[in-house]
């Protein structure tokens, strides 16, 4: 892991990661959180829903945002202060989700604002929002 200190953060700086959404991920999320909403875990229920299939928990994809903020930009030692999130489209089993965080504002040498969003394999924005982060003072790691 690495960290990018506040003095080394630049506007427009980005980090991203891609993950394929699997049955195992969705079930692990359900098991950890206790969110067994049938929209996510019951195939028959999913077929009858407005989506016509099961979908992944929205917060599963938000977890990928947290991963990037805590391990890449700004990275270890960051303090996650707030997250605004809009769920714009369902994330389906088998989707390849690209999660992107991008620095959009540097605030008073203590905080940064990042746009946080997820795209599916069709380049459709499925999650959009902003995070406020207090980065570490100094850069460390690779």
N, C-alpha and C. Protein backbone atom coordinates (compact mmCIF):
# COMPACT_ATOMS: atom_id res chain seq x y z
N UNK A 1 0.83 -1.18 0.00
CA UNK A 1 0.00 0.00 0.00
C UNK A 1 0.87 1.24 0.00
N UNK A 2 0.24 2.31 -0.42
CA UNK A 2 0.95 3.58 -0.46
C UNK A 2 0.05 4.68 0.05
N UNK A 3 0.61 5.85 0.23
CA UNK A 3 -0.18 7.02 0.55
C UNK A 3 0.40 8.21 -0.19
N UNK A 4 -0.49 9.10 -0.57
CA UNK A 4 -0.09 10.34 -1.23
C UNK A 4 -0.42 11.46 -0.26
N UNK A 5 0.60 12.13 0.23
CA UNK A 5 0.41 13.21 1.18
C UNK A 5 -0.26 14.41 0.54
N UNK A 6 -0.87 15.23 1.36
CA UNK A 6 -1.63 16.39 0.89
C UNK A 6 -0.81 17.29 -0.02
N UNK A 7 0.48 17.44 0.25
CA UNK A 7 1.31 18.32 -0.57
C UNK A 7 1.61 17.74 -1.95
N UNK A 8 1.42 16.43 -2.11
CA UNK A 8 1.70 15.78 -3.39
C UNK A 8 0.44 15.50 -4.22
N UNK A 9 -0.71 15.86 -3.68
CA UNK A 9 -1.97 15.64 -4.40
C UNK A 9 -2.19 16.79 -5.38
N UNK A 10 -2.62 16.43 -6.59
CA UNK A 10 -2.84 17.41 -7.66
C UNK A 10 -4.27 17.29 -8.19
N UNK A 11 -4.83 18.41 -8.61
CA UNK A 11 -6.14 18.39 -9.26
C UNK A 11 -6.08 17.48 -10.49
N UNK A 12 -7.11 16.70 -10.68
CA UNK A 12 -7.18 15.80 -11.82
C UNK A 12 -6.51 14.46 -11.60
N UNK A 13 -5.80 14.30 -10.50
CA UNK A 13 -5.15 13.01 -10.19
C UNK A 13 -6.23 11.95 -10.04
N UNK A 14 -5.97 10.75 -10.60
CA UNK A 14 -6.99 9.69 -10.62
C UNK A 14 -6.41 8.34 -10.22
N UNK A 15 -7.30 7.49 -9.79
CA UNK A 15 -6.98 6.08 -9.56
C UNK A 15 -8.21 5.29 -9.98
N UNK A 16 -7.99 4.06 -10.43
CA UNK A 16 -9.12 3.23 -10.84
C UNK A 16 -8.81 1.76 -10.62
N UNK A 17 -9.88 0.97 -10.60
CA UNK A 17 -9.78 -0.48 -10.46
C UNK A 17 -10.99 -1.09 -11.16
N UNK A 18 -10.81 -2.28 -11.73
CA UNK A 18 -11.91 -3.00 -12.36
C UNK A 18 -12.15 -4.30 -11.61
N UNK A 19 -13.42 -4.64 -11.43
CA UNK A 19 -13.81 -5.89 -10.78
C UNK A 19 -15.01 -6.47 -11.50
N UNK A 20 -15.01 -7.78 -11.69
CA UNK A 20 -16.17 -8.48 -12.22
C UNK A 20 -17.06 -8.89 -11.05
N UNK A 21 -18.32 -8.55 -11.12
CA UNK A 21 -19.26 -8.85 -10.04
C UNK A 21 -19.66 -10.32 -10.12
N UNK A 22 -19.41 -11.05 -9.04
CA UNK A 22 -19.67 -12.49 -9.02
C UNK A 22 -20.70 -12.84 -7.95
N UNK A 23 -21.25 -14.01 -8.10
CA UNK A 23 -22.16 -14.58 -7.09
C UNK A 23 -21.47 -14.61 -5.73
N UNK A 24 -20.21 -15.01 -5.71
CA UNK A 24 -19.47 -15.12 -4.46
C UNK A 24 -19.35 -13.77 -3.75
N UNK A 25 -19.09 -12.71 -4.52
CA UNK A 25 -18.99 -11.37 -3.93
C UNK A 25 -20.31 -10.95 -3.30
N UNK A 26 -21.40 -11.15 -4.03
CA UNK A 26 -22.71 -10.73 -3.54
C UNK A 26 -23.08 -11.51 -2.29
N UNK A 27 -22.83 -12.82 -2.28
CA UNK A 27 -23.15 -13.63 -1.11
C UNK A 27 -22.24 -13.27 0.07
N UNK A 28 -20.98 -13.00 -0.18
CA UNK A 28 -20.08 -12.58 0.90
C UNK A 28 -20.56 -11.27 1.51
N UNK A 29 -20.97 -10.33 0.66
CA UNK A 29 -21.50 -9.04 1.15
C UNK A 29 -22.74 -9.28 2.00
N UNK A 30 -23.65 -10.12 1.51
CA UNK A 30 -24.87 -10.43 2.26
C UNK A 30 -24.53 -11.06 3.61
N UNK A 31 -23.58 -11.98 3.62
CA UNK A 31 -23.19 -12.65 4.86
C UNK A 31 -22.54 -11.70 5.86
N UNK A 32 -21.72 -10.79 5.38
CA UNK A 32 -21.04 -9.85 6.27
C UNK A 32 -22.02 -8.82 6.83
N UNK A 33 -22.91 -8.30 5.99
CA UNK A 33 -23.80 -7.22 6.42
C UNK A 33 -25.14 -7.70 6.96
N UNK A 34 -25.53 -8.93 6.62
CA UNK A 34 -26.85 -9.41 6.99
C UNK A 34 -27.94 -8.92 6.05
N UNK A 35 -27.56 -8.29 4.95
CA UNK A 35 -28.54 -7.78 3.97
C UNK A 35 -28.90 -8.90 3.00
N UNK A 36 -29.95 -9.62 3.36
CA UNK A 36 -30.41 -10.75 2.55
C UNK A 36 -31.65 -10.36 1.73
N UNK A 37 -31.72 -9.12 1.31
CA UNK A 37 -32.82 -8.69 0.45
C UNK A 37 -32.91 -9.66 -0.72
N UNK A 38 -34.11 -10.24 -0.97
CA UNK A 38 -34.22 -11.24 -2.03
C UNK A 38 -33.88 -10.70 -3.42
N UNK A 39 -33.89 -9.37 -3.59
CA UNK A 39 -33.50 -8.79 -4.89
C UNK A 39 -32.06 -9.17 -5.24
N UNK A 40 -31.27 -9.47 -4.22
CA UNK A 40 -29.86 -9.79 -4.41
C UNK A 40 -29.56 -11.28 -4.36
N UNK A 41 -30.37 -12.04 -3.61
CA UNK A 41 -29.98 -13.44 -3.38
C UNK A 41 -30.96 -14.49 -3.89
N UNK A 42 -32.17 -14.09 -4.25
CA UNK A 42 -33.19 -15.05 -4.67
C UNK A 42 -33.46 -14.90 -6.17
N UNK A 43 -33.04 -15.89 -6.94
CA UNK A 43 -33.16 -15.84 -8.39
C UNK A 43 -34.62 -15.68 -8.85
N UNK A 44 -35.54 -16.42 -8.23
CA UNK A 44 -36.95 -16.32 -8.62
C UNK A 44 -37.51 -14.94 -8.33
N UNK A 45 -37.17 -14.40 -7.18
CA UNK A 45 -37.61 -13.04 -6.84
C UNK A 45 -37.06 -12.05 -7.86
N UNK A 46 -35.77 -12.18 -8.18
CA UNK A 46 -35.15 -11.28 -9.15
C UNK A 46 -35.84 -11.29 -10.50
N UNK A 47 -36.24 -12.46 -10.95
CA UNK A 47 -36.92 -12.58 -12.26
C UNK A 47 -38.25 -11.83 -12.28
N UNK A 48 -38.89 -11.71 -11.13
CA UNK A 48 -40.19 -11.03 -11.04
C UNK A 48 -40.06 -9.54 -10.75
N UNK A 49 -38.85 -9.09 -10.49
CA UNK A 49 -38.63 -7.69 -10.11
C UNK A 49 -38.59 -6.79 -11.34
N UNK A 50 -38.52 -5.49 -11.11
CA UNK A 50 -38.44 -4.53 -12.22
C UNK A 50 -37.16 -4.71 -13.03
N UNK A 51 -36.14 -5.35 -12.44
CA UNK A 51 -34.87 -5.55 -13.14
C UNK A 51 -34.85 -6.86 -13.93
N UNK A 52 -35.81 -7.75 -13.68
CA UNK A 52 -35.94 -9.05 -14.36
C UNK A 52 -34.81 -10.01 -14.05
N UNK A 53 -34.01 -9.69 -13.04
CA UNK A 53 -32.92 -10.54 -12.59
C UNK A 53 -32.41 -10.02 -11.26
N UNK A 54 -31.58 -10.82 -10.61
CA UNK A 54 -30.95 -10.34 -9.38
C UNK A 54 -29.94 -9.24 -9.72
N UNK A 55 -29.74 -8.36 -8.76
CA UNK A 55 -28.72 -7.33 -8.91
C UNK A 55 -27.84 -7.33 -7.66
N UNK A 56 -26.65 -6.79 -7.81
CA UNK A 56 -25.72 -6.68 -6.67
C UNK A 56 -26.16 -5.55 -5.74
N UNK A 57 -25.79 -5.67 -4.49
CA UNK A 57 -26.03 -4.60 -3.53
C UNK A 57 -25.32 -3.34 -4.02
N UNK A 58 -25.99 -2.21 -3.97
CA UNK A 58 -25.35 -0.96 -4.38
C UNK A 58 -24.12 -0.65 -3.55
N UNK A 59 -24.19 -0.96 -2.27
CA UNK A 59 -23.06 -0.64 -1.39
C UNK A 59 -21.84 -1.53 -1.65
N UNK A 60 -22.03 -2.64 -2.34
CA UNK A 60 -20.88 -3.45 -2.73
C UNK A 60 -19.96 -2.63 -3.64
N UNK A 61 -20.55 -1.96 -4.62
CA UNK A 61 -19.75 -1.12 -5.52
C UNK A 61 -19.17 0.09 -4.79
N UNK A 62 -19.91 0.64 -3.84
CA UNK A 62 -19.38 1.75 -3.05
C UNK A 62 -18.15 1.28 -2.27
N UNK A 63 -18.13 0.01 -1.91
CA UNK A 63 -16.96 -0.54 -1.24
C UNK A 63 -15.70 -0.46 -2.09
N UNK A 64 -15.86 -0.55 -3.42
CA UNK A 64 -14.69 -0.41 -4.30
C UNK A 64 -14.16 1.01 -4.25
N UNK A 65 -15.05 1.98 -4.06
CA UNK A 65 -14.62 3.38 -3.89
C UNK A 65 -13.77 3.48 -2.63
N UNK A 66 -14.27 2.92 -1.53
CA UNK A 66 -13.53 2.94 -0.27
C UNK A 66 -12.16 2.29 -0.43
N UNK A 67 -12.13 1.19 -1.16
CA UNK A 67 -10.85 0.49 -1.42
C UNK A 67 -9.83 1.43 -2.07
N UNK A 68 -10.26 2.14 -3.12
CA UNK A 68 -9.33 3.04 -3.81
C UNK A 68 -8.87 4.18 -2.92
N UNK A 69 -9.81 4.76 -2.18
CA UNK A 69 -9.46 5.88 -1.31
C UNK A 69 -8.49 5.45 -0.21
N UNK A 70 -8.65 4.24 0.29
CA UNK A 70 -7.82 3.76 1.38
C UNK A 70 -6.51 3.12 0.98
N UNK A 71 -6.37 2.76 -0.32
CA UNK A 71 -5.15 2.07 -0.74
C UNK A 71 -4.39 2.76 -1.87
N UNK A 72 -5.04 3.65 -2.59
CA UNK A 72 -4.39 4.26 -3.76
C UNK A 72 -4.35 5.79 -3.72
N UNK A 73 -5.51 6.41 -3.58
CA UNK A 73 -5.60 7.87 -3.68
C UNK A 73 -6.61 8.40 -2.68
N UNK A 74 -6.19 8.97 -1.59
CA UNK A 74 -4.84 9.25 -1.15
C UNK A 74 -4.09 8.05 -0.59
N UNK A 75 -4.79 7.01 -0.14
CA UNK A 75 -4.12 5.81 0.33
C UNK A 75 -4.09 5.69 1.83
N UNK A 76 -3.17 4.83 2.31
CA UNK A 76 -3.14 4.50 3.74
C UNK A 76 -2.95 5.76 4.59
N UNK A 77 -3.64 5.75 5.70
CA UNK A 77 -3.59 6.89 6.62
C UNK A 77 -4.62 7.96 6.32
N UNK A 78 -5.37 7.79 5.24
CA UNK A 78 -6.42 8.76 4.91
C UNK A 78 -7.60 8.61 5.87
N UNK A 79 -8.30 9.70 6.09
CA UNK A 79 -9.51 9.66 6.89
C UNK A 79 -10.68 10.00 5.97
N UNK A 80 -11.58 9.04 5.85
CA UNK A 80 -12.78 9.15 4.99
C UNK A 80 -13.80 9.97 5.78
N UNK A 81 -14.07 11.19 5.34
CA UNK A 81 -14.92 12.09 6.11
C UNK A 81 -16.39 12.06 5.69
N UNK A 82 -16.64 11.93 4.38
CA UNK A 82 -18.02 11.86 3.93
C UNK A 82 -18.07 11.30 2.51
N UNK A 83 -19.26 10.81 2.17
CA UNK A 83 -19.48 10.25 0.84
C UNK A 83 -20.90 10.58 0.41
N UNK A 84 -21.02 11.22 -0.74
CA UNK A 84 -22.32 11.43 -1.38
C UNK A 84 -22.39 10.39 -2.49
N UNK A 85 -23.51 9.71 -2.61
CA UNK A 85 -23.61 8.68 -3.64
C UNK A 85 -25.00 8.67 -4.25
N UNK A 86 -25.03 8.52 -5.57
CA UNK A 86 -26.28 8.36 -6.31
C UNK A 86 -26.20 7.05 -7.07
N UNK A 87 -27.23 6.23 -6.92
CA UNK A 87 -27.31 4.95 -7.63
C UNK A 87 -28.11 5.21 -8.90
N UNK A 88 -27.45 5.16 -10.06
CA UNK A 88 -28.07 5.55 -11.31
C UNK A 88 -28.57 4.38 -12.15
N UNK A 89 -27.97 3.22 -11.97
CA UNK A 89 -28.38 2.04 -12.73
C UNK A 89 -27.99 0.81 -11.92
N UNK A 90 -28.69 -0.31 -12.14
CA UNK A 90 -28.35 -1.52 -11.38
C UNK A 90 -27.02 -2.11 -11.83
N UNK A 91 -26.34 -2.73 -10.86
CA UNK A 91 -25.13 -3.50 -11.15
C UNK A 91 -25.56 -4.96 -11.15
N UNK A 92 -25.31 -5.63 -12.26
CA UNK A 92 -25.78 -6.99 -12.45
C UNK A 92 -24.65 -8.00 -12.26
N UNK A 93 -25.04 -9.23 -11.95
CA UNK A 93 -24.07 -10.30 -11.86
C UNK A 93 -23.36 -10.42 -13.20
N UNK A 94 -22.04 -10.52 -13.18
CA UNK A 94 -21.26 -10.62 -14.41
C UNK A 94 -20.79 -9.28 -14.96
N UNK A 95 -21.35 -8.17 -14.48
CA UNK A 95 -20.89 -6.86 -14.93
C UNK A 95 -19.43 -6.67 -14.53
N UNK A 96 -18.69 -5.97 -15.37
CA UNK A 96 -17.33 -5.55 -15.03
C UNK A 96 -17.42 -4.08 -14.67
N UNK A 97 -17.17 -3.79 -13.41
CA UNK A 97 -17.33 -2.44 -12.89
C UNK A 97 -15.95 -1.78 -12.76
N UNK A 98 -15.81 -0.63 -13.42
CA UNK A 98 -14.60 0.17 -13.25
C UNK A 98 -14.93 1.29 -12.27
N UNK A 99 -14.20 1.33 -11.19
CA UNK A 99 -14.38 2.34 -10.16
C UNK A 99 -13.27 3.37 -10.32
N UNK A 100 -13.66 4.65 -10.31
CA UNK A 100 -12.71 5.74 -10.55
C UNK A 100 -12.88 6.79 -9.45
N UNK A 101 -11.77 7.24 -8.92
CA UNK A 101 -11.76 8.39 -8.00
C UNK A 101 -10.85 9.45 -8.62
N UNK A 102 -11.29 10.69 -8.57
CA UNK A 102 -10.55 11.78 -9.21
C UNK A 102 -10.59 13.03 -8.33
N UNK A 103 -9.44 13.62 -8.07
CA UNK A 103 -9.34 14.82 -7.25
C UNK A 103 -9.97 15.99 -8.02
N UNK A 104 -10.98 16.62 -7.41
CA UNK A 104 -11.64 17.77 -8.05
C UNK A 104 -11.44 19.07 -7.27
N UNK A 105 -10.99 18.98 -6.00
CA UNK A 105 -10.76 20.19 -5.23
C UNK A 105 -9.80 19.87 -4.09
N UNK A 106 -8.91 20.81 -3.81
CA UNK A 106 -8.01 20.72 -2.66
C UNK A 106 -8.44 21.84 -1.72
N UNK A 107 -8.85 21.47 -0.52
CA UNK A 107 -9.47 22.41 0.40
C UNK A 107 -8.55 22.66 1.58
N UNK A 108 -8.19 23.87 1.80
CA UNK A 108 -7.44 24.38 2.95
C UNK A 108 -6.28 23.51 3.44
N UNK A 109 -5.56 22.89 2.54
CA UNK A 109 -4.38 22.07 2.85
C UNK A 109 -4.64 20.97 3.88
N UNK A 110 -5.90 20.62 4.07
CA UNK A 110 -6.22 19.54 5.01
C UNK A 110 -7.15 18.51 4.40
N UNK A 111 -7.96 18.91 3.43
CA UNK A 111 -8.97 18.01 2.87
C UNK A 111 -8.94 18.09 1.35
N UNK A 112 -9.37 16.99 0.75
CA UNK A 112 -9.55 16.97 -0.70
C UNK A 112 -10.94 16.43 -1.00
N UNK A 113 -11.49 16.94 -2.10
CA UNK A 113 -12.78 16.45 -2.58
C UNK A 113 -12.49 15.66 -3.85
N UNK A 114 -13.05 14.46 -3.90
CA UNK A 114 -12.86 13.59 -5.06
C UNK A 114 -14.21 13.22 -5.65
N UNK A 115 -14.27 13.22 -6.97
CA UNK A 115 -15.44 12.64 -7.63
C UNK A 115 -15.23 11.13 -7.56
N UNK A 116 -16.28 10.41 -7.23
CA UNK A 116 -16.21 8.97 -7.09
C UNK A 116 -17.32 8.37 -7.94
N UNK A 117 -16.94 7.50 -8.88
CA UNK A 117 -17.98 6.94 -9.74
C UNK A 117 -17.60 5.56 -10.25
N UNK A 118 -18.62 4.84 -10.69
CA UNK A 118 -18.44 3.49 -11.20
C UNK A 118 -19.11 3.39 -12.57
N UNK A 119 -18.41 2.75 -13.49
CA UNK A 119 -18.92 2.51 -14.84
C UNK A 119 -19.05 1.01 -15.05
N UNK A 120 -20.07 0.61 -15.81
CA UNK A 120 -20.14 -0.80 -16.18
C UNK A 120 -19.39 -1.01 -17.49
N UNK A 121 -19.40 -2.23 -17.99
CA UNK A 121 -18.64 -2.57 -19.19
C UNK A 121 -19.15 -1.84 -20.44
N UNK A 122 -20.34 -1.26 -20.37
CA UNK A 122 -20.89 -0.49 -21.49
C UNK A 122 -20.61 1.00 -21.34
N UNK A 123 -19.73 1.36 -20.40
CA UNK A 123 -19.37 2.74 -20.10
C UNK A 123 -20.52 3.56 -19.53
N UNK A 124 -21.52 2.89 -18.99
CA UNK A 124 -22.65 3.55 -18.35
C UNK A 124 -22.28 3.84 -16.90
N UNK A 125 -22.52 5.07 -16.46
CA UNK A 125 -22.28 5.42 -15.06
C UNK A 125 -23.39 4.77 -14.23
N UNK A 126 -23.00 3.89 -13.31
CA UNK A 126 -23.98 3.21 -12.46
C UNK A 126 -24.03 3.82 -11.06
N UNK A 127 -22.93 4.42 -10.64
CA UNK A 127 -22.85 5.10 -9.35
C UNK A 127 -22.05 6.38 -9.56
N UNK A 128 -22.53 7.47 -8.95
CA UNK A 128 -21.84 8.74 -9.07
C UNK A 128 -21.89 9.45 -7.73
N UNK A 129 -20.85 10.20 -7.41
CA UNK A 129 -20.86 10.94 -6.16
C UNK A 129 -19.56 11.67 -5.90
N UNK A 130 -19.42 12.09 -4.66
CA UNK A 130 -18.24 12.83 -4.22
C UNK A 130 -17.86 12.38 -2.82
N UNK A 131 -16.57 12.38 -2.55
CA UNK A 131 -16.07 12.04 -1.22
C UNK A 131 -15.19 13.17 -0.71
N UNK A 132 -15.22 13.37 0.60
CA UNK A 132 -14.30 14.29 1.25
C UNK A 132 -13.34 13.44 2.07
N UNK A 133 -12.05 13.69 1.88
CA UNK A 133 -11.00 12.89 2.50
C UNK A 133 -9.96 13.81 3.13
N UNK A 134 -9.50 13.41 4.29
CA UNK A 134 -8.34 14.06 4.89
C UNK A 134 -7.15 13.16 4.61
N UNK A 135 -6.28 13.55 3.68
CA UNK A 135 -5.11 12.70 3.36
C UNK A 135 -4.06 12.78 4.46
N UNK A 136 -3.12 11.84 4.43
CA UNK A 136 -2.01 11.94 5.38
C UNK A 136 -1.14 13.16 5.02
N UNK A 137 -0.33 13.59 5.96
CA UNK A 137 0.53 14.75 5.73
C UNK A 137 1.62 14.45 4.69
N UNK A 138 2.15 13.22 4.73
CA UNK A 138 3.30 12.90 3.89
C UNK A 138 3.05 11.66 3.04
N UNK A 139 3.66 11.63 1.89
CA UNK A 139 3.58 10.46 1.01
C UNK A 139 4.47 9.35 1.55
N UNK A 140 4.02 8.09 1.37
CA UNK A 140 4.79 6.92 1.79
C UNK A 140 4.56 5.78 0.82
N UNK A 141 5.46 4.84 0.79
CA UNK A 141 5.29 3.61 0.02
C UNK A 141 5.63 3.78 -1.44
N UNK A 142 5.18 2.77 -2.24
CA UNK A 142 5.53 2.77 -3.66
C UNK A 142 4.69 3.68 -4.42
